[in-house]
PDB file of N, CA and C in Angstrom:
ATOM      1  N   MET A   1    -130.811   6.725-165.853  1.00  0.00           N
ATOM      2  CA  MET A   1    -131.699   5.668-165.411  1.00  0.00           C
ATOM      3  C   MET A   1    -131.120   4.324-165.841  1.00  0.00           C
ATOM      4  N   ALA A   2    -131.020   3.417-164.903  1.00  0.00           N
ATOM      5  CA  ALA A   2    -130.466   2.100-165.185  1.00  0.00           C
ATOM      6  C   ALA A   2    -131.523   1.226-165.858  1.00  0.00           C
ATOM      7  N   LEU A   3    -131.065   0.439-166.785  1.00  0.00           N
ATOM      8  CA  LEU A   3    -131.968  -0.488-167.458  1.00  0.00           C
ATOM      9  C   LEU A   3    -132.260  -1.685-166.560  1.00  0.00           C
ATOM     10  N   LYS A   4    -133.519  -2.109-166.559  1.00  0.00           N
ATOM     11  CA  LYS A   4    -133.879  -3.308-165.818  1.00  0.00           C
ATOM     12  C   LYS A   4    -133.456  -4.520-166.624  1.00  0.00           C
ATOM     13  N   LYS A   5    -133.047  -5.560-165.916  1.00  0.00           N
ATOM     14  CA  LYS A   5    -132.698  -6.810-166.567  1.00  0.00           C
ATOM     15  C   LYS A   5    -133.740  -7.861-166.215  1.00  0.00           C
ATOM     16  N   LEU A   6    -134.109  -8.636-167.213  1.00  0.00           N
ATOM     17  CA  LEU A   6    -135.051  -9.717-166.994  1.00  0.00           C
ATOM     18  C   LEU A   6    -134.285 -10.896-166.415  1.00  0.00           C
ATOM     19  N   ARG A   7    -134.604 -11.240-165.178  1.00  0.00           N
ATOM     20  CA  ARG A   7    -133.949 -12.340-164.475  1.00  0.00           C
ATOM     21  C   ARG A   7    -134.990 -13.132-163.694  1.00  0.00           C
ATOM     22  N   ARG A   8    -134.632 -14.349-163.342  1.00  0.00           N
ATOM     23  CA  ARG A   8    -135.495 -15.147-162.477  1.00  0.00           C
ATOM     24  C   ARG A   8    -135.434 -14.588-161.070  1.00  0.00           C
ATOM     25  N   SER A   9    -136.567 -14.524-160.408  1.00  0.00           N
ATOM     26  CA  SER A   9    -136.628 -13.978-159.058  1.00  0.00           C
ATOM     27  C   SER A   9    -136.261 -15.053-158.046  1.00  0.00           C
ATOM     28  N   HIS A  10    -135.422 -14.678-157.100  1.00  0.00           N
ATOM     29  CA  HIS A  10    -135.038 -15.607-156.050  1.00  0.00           C
ATOM     30  C   HIS A  10    -135.988 -15.492-154.858  1.00  0.00           C
ATOM     31  N   LYS A  11    -136.513 -14.293-154.637  1.00  0.00           N
ATOM     32  CA  LYS A  11    -137.370 -14.072-153.473  1.00  0.00           C
ATOM     33  C   LYS A  11    -138.847 -14.294-153.770  1.00  0.00           C
ATOM     34  N   ASN A  12    -139.252 -14.208-155.022  1.00  0.00           N
ATOM     35  CA  ASN A  12    -140.659 -14.321-155.401  1.00  0.00           C
ATOM     36  C   ASN A  12    -140.838 -15.495-156.349  1.00  0.00           C
ATOM     37  N   LYS A  13    -140.524 -16.692-155.847  1.00  0.00           N
ATOM     38  CA  LYS A  13    -140.623 -17.856-156.716  1.00  0.00           C
ATOM     39  C   LYS A  13    -141.441 -18.949-156.063  1.00  0.00           C
ATOM     40  N   ILE A  14    -142.060 -19.739-156.920  1.00  0.00           N
ATOM     41  CA  ILE A  14    -142.762 -20.935-156.466  1.00  0.00           C
ATOM     42  C   ILE A  14    -142.069 -22.160-157.045  1.00  0.00           C
ATOM     43  N   ILE A  15    -141.798 -22.142-158.345  1.00  0.00           N
ATOM     44  CA  ILE A  15    -141.107 -23.270-158.972  1.00  0.00           C
ATOM     45  C   ILE A  15    -139.673 -22.870-159.303  1.00  0.00           C
ATOM     46  N   ALA A  16    -139.498 -22.001-160.280  1.00  0.00           N
ATOM     47  CA  ALA A  16    -138.149 -21.626-160.698  1.00  0.00           C
ATOM     48  C   ALA A  16    -137.921 -20.122-160.674  1.00  0.00           C
ATOM     49  N   GLY A  17    -138.929 -19.333-160.363  1.00  0.00           N
ATOM     50  CA  GLY A  17    -138.774 -17.894-160.290  1.00  0.00           C
ATOM     51  C   GLY A  17    -139.003 -17.156-161.592  1.00  0.00           C
ATOM     52  N   VAL A  18    -139.450 -17.861-162.633  1.00  0.00           N
ATOM     53  CA  VAL A  18    -139.655 -17.227-163.938  1.00  0.00           C
ATOM     54  C   VAL A  18    -140.803 -16.225-163.868  1.00  0.00           C
ATOM     55  N   CYS A  19    -141.927 -16.619-163.337  1.00  0.00           N
ATOM     56  CA  CYS A  19    -143.076 -15.705-163.261  1.00  0.00           C
ATOM     57  C   CYS A  19    -142.789 -14.535-162.327  1.00  0.00           C
ATOM     58  N   GLY A  20    -142.087 -14.790-161.218  1.00  0.00           N
ATOM     59  CA  GLY A  20    -141.712 -13.719-160.314  1.00  0.00           C
ATOM     60  C   GLY A  20    -140.783 -12.722-160.978  1.00  0.00           C
ATOM     61  N   GLY A  21    -139.841 -13.230-161.762  1.00  0.00           N
ATOM     62  CA  GLY A  21    -138.926 -12.350-162.482  1.00  0.00           C
ATOM     63  C   GLY A  21    -139.626 -11.529-163.544  1.00  0.00           C
ATOM     64  N   LEU A  22    -140.540 -12.164-164.267  1.00  0.00           N
ATOM     65  CA  LEU A  22    -141.324 -11.429-165.266  1.00  0.00           C
ATOM     66  C   LEU A  22    -142.173 -10.349-164.602  1.00  0.00           C
ATOM     67  N   ALA A  23    -142.760 -10.689-163.450  1.00  0.00           N
ATOM     68  CA  ALA A  23    -143.598  -9.726-162.737  1.00  0.00           C
ATOM     69  C   ALA A  23    -142.777  -8.537-162.258  1.00  0.00           C
ATOM     70  N   GLU A  24    -141.583  -8.792-161.734  1.00  0.00           N
ATOM     71  CA  GLU A  24    -140.726  -7.692-161.294  1.00  0.00           C
ATOM     72  C   GLU A  24    -140.293  -6.833-162.480  1.00  0.00           C
ATOM     73  N   PHE A  25    -140.017  -7.469-163.601  1.00  0.00           N
ATOM     74  CA  PHE A  25    -139.606  -6.738-164.792  1.00  0.00           C
ATOM     75  C   PHE A  25    -140.731  -5.856-165.323  1.00  0.00           C
ATOM     76  N   LEU A  26    -141.956  -6.377-165.286  1.00  0.00           N
ATOM     77  CA  LEU A  26    -143.116  -5.659-165.822  1.00  0.00           C
ATOM     78  C   LEU A  26    -143.828  -4.794-164.781  1.00  0.00           C
ATOM     79  N   ASN A  27    -143.376  -4.855-163.515  1.00  0.00           N
ATOM     80  CA  ASN A  27    -144.008  -4.123-162.410  1.00  0.00           C
ATOM     81  C   ASN A  27    -145.475  -4.485-162.240  1.00  0.00           C
ATOM     82  N   VAL A  28    -145.761  -5.785-162.242  1.00  0.00           N
ATOM     83  CA  VAL A  28    -147.113  -6.274-161.970  1.00  0.00           C
ATOM     84  C   VAL A  28    -147.025  -7.327-160.874  1.00  0.00           C
ATOM     85  N   ASP A  29    -148.168  -7.717-160.367  1.00  0.00           N
ATOM     86  CA  ASP A  29    -148.217  -8.753-159.339  1.00  0.00           C
ATOM     87  C   ASP A  29    -147.827 -10.101-159.941  1.00  0.00           C
ATOM     88  N   ALA A  30    -147.021 -10.864-159.221  1.00  0.00           N
ATOM     89  CA  ALA A  30    -146.552 -12.157-159.714  1.00  0.00           C
ATOM     90  C   ALA A  30    -147.701 -13.142-159.905  1.00  0.00           C
ATOM     91  N   ASN A  31    -148.732 -13.036-159.079  1.00  0.00           N
ATOM     92  CA  ASN A  31    -149.871 -13.961-159.218  1.00  0.00           C
ATOM     93  C   ASN A  31    -150.603 -13.746-160.538  1.00  0.00           C
ATOM     94  N   ILE A  32    -150.632 -12.528-161.034  1.00  0.00           N
ATOM     95  CA  ILE A  32    -151.250 -12.252-162.339  1.00  0.00           C
ATOM     96  C   ILE A  32    -150.458 -12.957-163.436  1.00  0.00           C
ATOM     97  N   VAL A  33    -149.131 -12.861-163.366  1.00  0.00           N
ATOM     98  CA  VAL A  33    -148.293 -13.515-164.370  1.00  0.00           C
ATOM     99  C   VAL A  33    -148.477 -15.030-164.290  1.00  0.00           C
ATOM    100  N   ARG A  34    -148.559 -15.560-163.080  1.00  0.00           N
ATOM    101  CA  ARG A  34    -148.778 -17.008-162.909  1.00  0.00           C
ATOM    102  C   ARG A  34    -150.115 -17.445-163.510  1.00  0.00           C
ATOM    103  N   LEU A  35    -151.155 -16.652-163.268  1.00  0.00           N
ATOM    104  CA  LEU A  35    -152.465 -16.981-163.838  1.00  0.00           C
ATOM    105  C   LEU A  35    -152.441 -16.921-165.358  1.00  0.00           C
ATOM    106  N   VAL A  36    -151.703 -15.962-165.917  1.00  0.00           N
ATOM    107  CA  VAL A  36    -151.578 -15.871-167.375  1.00  0.00           C
ATOM    108  C   VAL A  36    -150.876 -17.119-167.908  1.00  0.00           C
ATOM    109  N   PHE A  37    -149.815 -17.558-167.240  1.00  0.00           N
ATOM    110  CA  PHE A  37    -149.117 -18.771-167.671  1.00  0.00           C
ATOM    111  C   PHE A  37    -150.017 -19.996-167.580  1.00  0.00           C
ATOM    112  N   ILE A  38    -150.807 -20.099-166.514  1.00  0.00           N
ATOM    113  CA  ILE A  38    -151.720 -21.238-166.372  1.00  0.00           C
ATOM    114  C   ILE A  38    -152.766 -21.201-167.478  1.00  0.00           C
ATOM    115  N   GLY A  39    -153.355 -20.028-167.704  1.00  0.00           N
ATOM    116  CA  GLY A  39    -154.345 -19.896-168.770  1.00  0.00           C
ATOM    117  C   GLY A  39    -153.752 -20.192-170.137  1.00  0.00           C
ATOM    118  N   ALA A  40    -152.556 -19.684-170.380  1.00  0.00           N
ATOM    119  CA  ALA A  40    -151.899 -19.941-171.663  1.00  0.00           C
ATOM    120  C   ALA A  40    -151.585 -21.426-171.825  1.00  0.00           C
ATOM    121  N   SER A  41    -151.233 -22.092-170.737  1.00  0.00           N
ATOM    122  CA  SER A  41    -150.955 -23.534-170.811  1.00  0.00           C
ATOM    123  C   SER A  41    -152.206 -24.321-171.173  1.00  0.00           C
ATOM    124  N   LEU A  42    -153.339 -23.909-170.621  1.00  0.00           N
ATOM    125  CA  LEU A  42    -154.592 -24.592-170.941  1.00  0.00           C
ATOM    126  C   LEU A  42    -155.014 -24.327-172.374  1.00  0.00           C
ATOM    127  N   ILE A  43    -154.852 -23.087-172.820  1.00  0.00           N
ATOM    128  CA  ILE A  43    -155.278 -22.728-174.173  1.00  0.00           C
ATOM    129  C   ILE A  43    -154.365 -23.342-175.234  1.00  0.00           C
ATOM    130  N   THR A  44    -153.069 -23.360-174.956  1.00  0.00           N
ATOM    131  CA  THR A  44    -152.110 -23.840-175.962  1.00  0.00           C
ATOM    132  C   THR A  44    -151.763 -25.318-175.792  1.00  0.00           C
ATOM    133  N   ILE A  45    -152.519 -25.999-174.987  1.00  0.00           N
ATOM    134  CA  ILE A  45    -152.329 -27.426-174.740  1.00  0.00           C
ATOM    135  C   ILE A  45    -150.895 -27.711-174.277  1.00  0.00           C
ATOM    136  N   GLY A  46    -150.419 -26.899-173.341  1.00  0.00           N
ATOM    137  CA  GLY A  46    -149.126 -27.142-172.727  1.00  0.00           C
ATOM    138  C   GLY A  46    -147.931 -26.473-173.366  1.00  0.00           C
ATOM    139  N   THR A  47    -148.097 -25.783-174.461  1.00  0.00           N
ATOM    140  CA  THR A  47    -146.962 -25.124-175.105  1.00  0.00           C
ATOM    141  C   THR A  47    -146.353 -24.067-174.192  1.00  0.00           C
ATOM    142  N   ALA A  48    -147.171 -23.393-173.396  1.00  0.00           N
ATOM    143  CA  ALA A  48    -146.658 -22.382-172.477  1.00  0.00           C
ATOM    144  C   ALA A  48    -145.740 -23.002-171.433  1.00  0.00           C
ATOM    145  N   ILE A  49    -145.940 -24.263-171.110  1.00  0.00           N
ATOM    146  CA  ILE A  49    -145.045 -24.948-170.181  1.00  0.00           C
ATOM    147  C   ILE A  49    -143.660 -25.081-170.798  1.00  0.00           C
ATOM    148  N   LEU A  50    -143.597 -25.342-172.082  1.00  0.00           N
ATOM    149  CA  LEU A  50    -142.307 -25.391-172.769  1.00  0.00           C
ATOM    150  C   LEU A  50    -141.643 -24.023-172.775  1.00  0.00           C
ATOM    151  N   VAL A  51    -142.432 -22.966-172.940  1.00  0.00           N
ATOM    152  CA  VAL A  51    -141.900 -21.606-172.896  1.00  0.00           C
ATOM    153  C   VAL A  51    -141.354 -21.312-171.501  1.00  0.00           C
ATOM    154  N   TYR A  52    -142.077 -21.724-170.465  1.00  0.00           N
ATOM    155  CA  TYR A  52    -141.621 -21.534-169.085  1.00  0.00           C
ATOM    156  C   TYR A  52    -140.292 -22.257-168.877  1.00  0.00           C
ATOM    157  N   PHE A  53    -140.195 -23.493-169.329  1.00  0.00           N
ATOM    158  CA  PHE A  53    -138.956 -24.262-169.187  1.00  0.00           C
ATOM    159  C   PHE A  53    -137.820 -23.588-169.941  1.00  0.00           C
ATOM    160  N   ALA A  54    -138.085 -23.101-171.146  1.00  0.00           N
ATOM    161  CA  ALA A  54    -137.056 -22.410-171.928  1.00  0.00           C
ATOM    162  C   ALA A  54    -136.586 -21.146-171.210  1.00  0.00           C
ATOM    163  N   LEU A  55    -137.518 -20.392-170.622  1.00  0.00           N
ATOM    164  CA  LEU A  55    -137.135 -19.197-169.875  1.00  0.00           C
ATOM    165  C   LEU A  55    -136.322 -19.561-168.637  1.00  0.00           C
ATOM    166  N   TRP A  56    -136.651 -20.663-167.994  1.00  0.00           N
ATOM    167  CA  TRP A  56    -135.885 -21.108-166.839  1.00  0.00           C
ATOM    168  C   TRP A  56    -134.444 -21.418-167.235  1.00  0.00           C
ATOM    169  N   VAL A  57    -134.270 -22.025-168.392  1.00  0.00           N
ATOM    170  CA  VAL A  57    -132.934 -22.386-168.861  1.00  0.00           C
ATOM    171  C   VAL A  57    -132.139 -21.141-169.258  1.00  0.00           C
ATOM    172  N   VAL A  58    -132.792 -20.164-169.877  1.00  0.00           N
ATOM    173  CA  VAL A  58    -132.106 -19.014-170.458  1.00  0.00           C
ATOM    174  C   VAL A  58    -131.870 -17.884-169.453  1.00  0.00           C
ATOM    175  N   LEU A  59    -132.809 -17.642-168.553  1.00  0.00           N
ATOM    176  CA  LEU A  59    -132.706 -16.501-167.640  1.00  0.00           C
ATOM    177  C   LEU A  59    -131.782 -16.809-166.465  1.00  0.00           C
ATOM    178  N   ALA A  60    -131.014 -15.816-166.060  1.00  0.00           N
ATOM    179  CA  ALA A  60    -130.124 -15.958-164.912  1.00  0.00           C
ATOM    180  C   ALA A  60    -130.881 -15.673-163.622  1.00  0.00           C
ATOM    181  N   ASP A  61    -130.416 -16.264-162.534  1.00  0.00           N
ATOM    182  CA  ASP A  61    -130.977 -16.005-161.216  1.00  0.00           C
ATOM    183  C   ASP A  61    -130.563 -14.601-160.780  1.00  0.00           C
ATOM    184  N   ASP A  62    -131.458 -13.880-160.119  1.00  0.00           N
ATOM    185  CA  ASP A  62    -131.146 -12.495-159.760  1.00  0.00           C
ATOM    186  C   ASP A  62    -130.125 -12.366-158.637  1.00  0.00           C
ATOM    187  N   GLN A  63    -129.940 -13.396-157.813  1.00  0.00           N
ATOM    188  CA  GLN A  63    -128.951 -13.320-156.744  1.00  0.00           C
ATOM    189  C   GLN A  63    -127.625 -13.955-157.126  1.00  0.00           C
ATOM    190  N   THR A  64    -127.675 -15.169-157.640  1.00  0.00           N
ATOM    191  CA  THR A  64    -126.440 -15.900-157.924  1.00  0.00           C
ATOM    192  C   THR A  64    -125.928 -15.660-159.338  1.00  0.00           C
ATOM    193  N   GLY A  65    -126.815 -15.316-160.252  1.00  0.00           N
ATOM    194  CA  GLY A  65    -126.420 -15.144-161.646  1.00  0.00           C
ATOM    195  C   GLY A  65    -126.323 -16.455-162.398  1.00  0.00           C
ATOM    196  N   ASP A  66    -126.640 -17.564-161.716  1.00  0.00           N
ATOM    197  CA  ASP A  66    -126.586 -18.871-162.361  1.00  0.00           C
ATOM    198  C   ASP A  66    -127.728 -19.032-163.352  1.00  0.00           C
ATOM    199  N   LEU A  67    -127.432 -19.649-164.464  1.00  0.00           N
ATOM    200  CA  LEU A  67    -128.462 -19.977-165.442  1.00  0.00           C
ATOM    201  C   LEU A  67    -129.087 -21.314-165.075  1.00  0.00           C
ATOM    202  N   GLY A  68    -130.324 -21.510-165.492  1.00  0.00           N
ATOM    203  CA  GLY A  68    -130.944 -22.811-165.317  1.00  0.00           C
ATOM    204  C   GLY A  68    -130.180 -23.871-166.081  1.00  0.00           C
ATOM    205  N   ALA A  69    -129.565 -23.477-167.194  1.00  0.00           N
ATOM    206  CA  ALA A  69    -128.774 -24.409-167.996  1.00  0.00           C
ATOM    207  C   ALA A  69    -127.579 -24.918-167.199  1.00  0.00           C
ATOM    208  N   ASP A  70    -127.014 -24.074-166.321  1.00  0.00           N
ATOM    209  CA  ASP A  70    -125.911 -24.510-165.479  1.00  0.00           C
ATOM    210  C   ASP A  70    -126.350 -25.629-164.542  1.00  0.00           C
ATOM    211  N   LYS A  71    -127.544 -25.488-163.978  1.00  0.00           N
ATOM    212  CA  LYS A  71    -128.057 -26.519-163.081  1.00  0.00           C
ATOM    213  C   LYS A  71    -128.321 -27.819-163.842  1.00  0.00           C
ATOM    214  N   LEU A  72    -128.849 -27.685-165.052  1.00  0.00           N
ATOM    215  CA  LEU A  72    -129.069 -28.877-165.867  1.00  0.00           C
ATOM    216  C   LEU A  72    -127.752 -29.571-166.191  1.00  0.00           C
ATOM    217  N   ALA A  73    -126.721 -28.792-166.495  1.00  0.00           N
ATOM    218  CA  ALA A  73    -125.417 -29.361-166.804  1.00  0.00           C
ATOM    219  C   ALA A  73    -124.838 -30.071-165.585  1.00  0.00           C
ATOM    220  N   ASP A  74    -125.018 -29.490-164.400  1.00  0.00           N
ATOM    221  CA  ASP A  74    -124.552 -30.141-163.177  1.00  0.00           C
ATOM    222  C   ASP A  74    -125.264 -31.467-162.944  1.00  0.00           C
ATOM    223  N   LEU A  75    -126.581 -31.462-163.122  1.00  0.00           N
ATOM    224  CA  LEU A  75    -127.336 -32.701-162.948  1.00  0.00           C
ATOM    225  C   LEU A  75    -126.903 -33.754-163.956  1.00  0.00           C
ATOM    226  N   TYR A  76    -126.679 -33.322-165.185  1.00  0.00           N
ATOM    227  CA  TYR A  76    -126.265 -34.260-166.226  1.00  0.00           C
ATOM    228  C   TYR A  76    -124.886 -34.837-165.916  1.00  0.00           C
ATOM    229  N   SER A  77    -123.965 -33.994-165.454  1.00  0.00           N
ATOM    230  CA  SER A  77    -122.621 -34.495-165.159  1.00  0.00           C
ATOM    231  C   SER A  77    -122.650 -35.454-163.973  1.00  0.00           C
ATOM    232  N   LYS A  78    -123.506 -35.195-162.987  1.00  0.00           N
ATOM    233  CA  LYS A  78    -123.634 -36.129-161.863  1.00  0.00           C
ATOM    234  C   LYS A  78    -124.205 -37.460-162.336  1.00  0.00           C
ATOM    235  N   TYR A  79    -125.163 -37.393-163.234  1.00  0.00           N
ATOM    236  CA  TYR A  79    -125.761 -38.608-163.775  1.00  0.00           C
ATOM    237  C   TYR A  79    -124.737 -39.408-164.571  1.00  0.00           C
ATOM    238  N   ARG A  80    -123.927 -38.729-165.375  1.00  0.00           N
ATOM    239  CA  ARG A  80    -122.953 -39.399-166.232  1.00  0.00           C
ATOM    240  C   ARG A  80    -121.783 -39.981-165.450  1.00  0.00           C
ATOM    241  N   THR A  81    -121.489 -39.443-164.269  1.00  0.00           N
ATOM    242  CA  THR A  81    -120.330 -39.909-163.511  1.00  0.00           C
ATOM    243  C   THR A  81    -120.678 -40.993-162.503  1.00  0.00           C
ATOM    244  N   ARG A  82    -121.949 -41.359-162.416  1.00  0.00           N
ATOM    245  CA  ARG A  82    -122.326 -42.449-161.515  1.00  0.00           C
ATOM    246  C   ARG A  82    -121.738 -43.757-162.023  1.00  0.00           C
ATOM    247  N   PRO A  83    -121.267 -44.608-161.133  1.00  0.00           N
ATOM    248  CA  PRO A  83    -120.762 -45.915-161.585  1.00  0.00           C
ATOM    249  C   PRO A  83    -121.909 -46.784-162.099  1.00  0.00           C
ATOM    250  N   ASN A  84    -121.572 -47.652-163.029  1.00  0.00           N
ATOM    251  CA  ASN A  84    -122.594 -48.551-163.570  1.00  0.00           C
ATOM    252  C   ASN A  84    -123.064 -49.511-162.505  1.00  0.00           C
ATOM    253  N   GLU A  85    -124.351 -49.652-162.432  1.00  0.00           N
ATOM    254  CA  GLU A  85    -124.945 -50.562-161.456  1.00  0.00           C
ATOM    255  C   GLU A  85    -125.439 -51.792-162.196  1.00  0.00           C
ATOM    256  N   ASN A  86    -124.684 -52.860-162.140  1.00  0.00           N
ATOM    257  CA  ASN A  86    -125.061 -54.100-162.814  1.00  0.00           C
ATOM    258  C   ASN A  86    -125.462 -55.148-161.835  1.00  0.00           C
TER     259      ASN A  86
END
């Protein structure tokens, strides 16, 4: 039996695919995971949003294998290479 890997879902995503990936990993409906994240965000005064962002950065995409951190690095390098606008 092959081990399941926790990855961001490419086909079942609304924002970054974190909840879809968790739902596929846990074999539950993605909307349940989304509701849990929303409830946790309200209860923890937004701390769950930081957890979601951290998971987006750490988890790889299930199709491309790209990390969210790779996308952040690309955005940062584009920002840093822009010419100065004076």
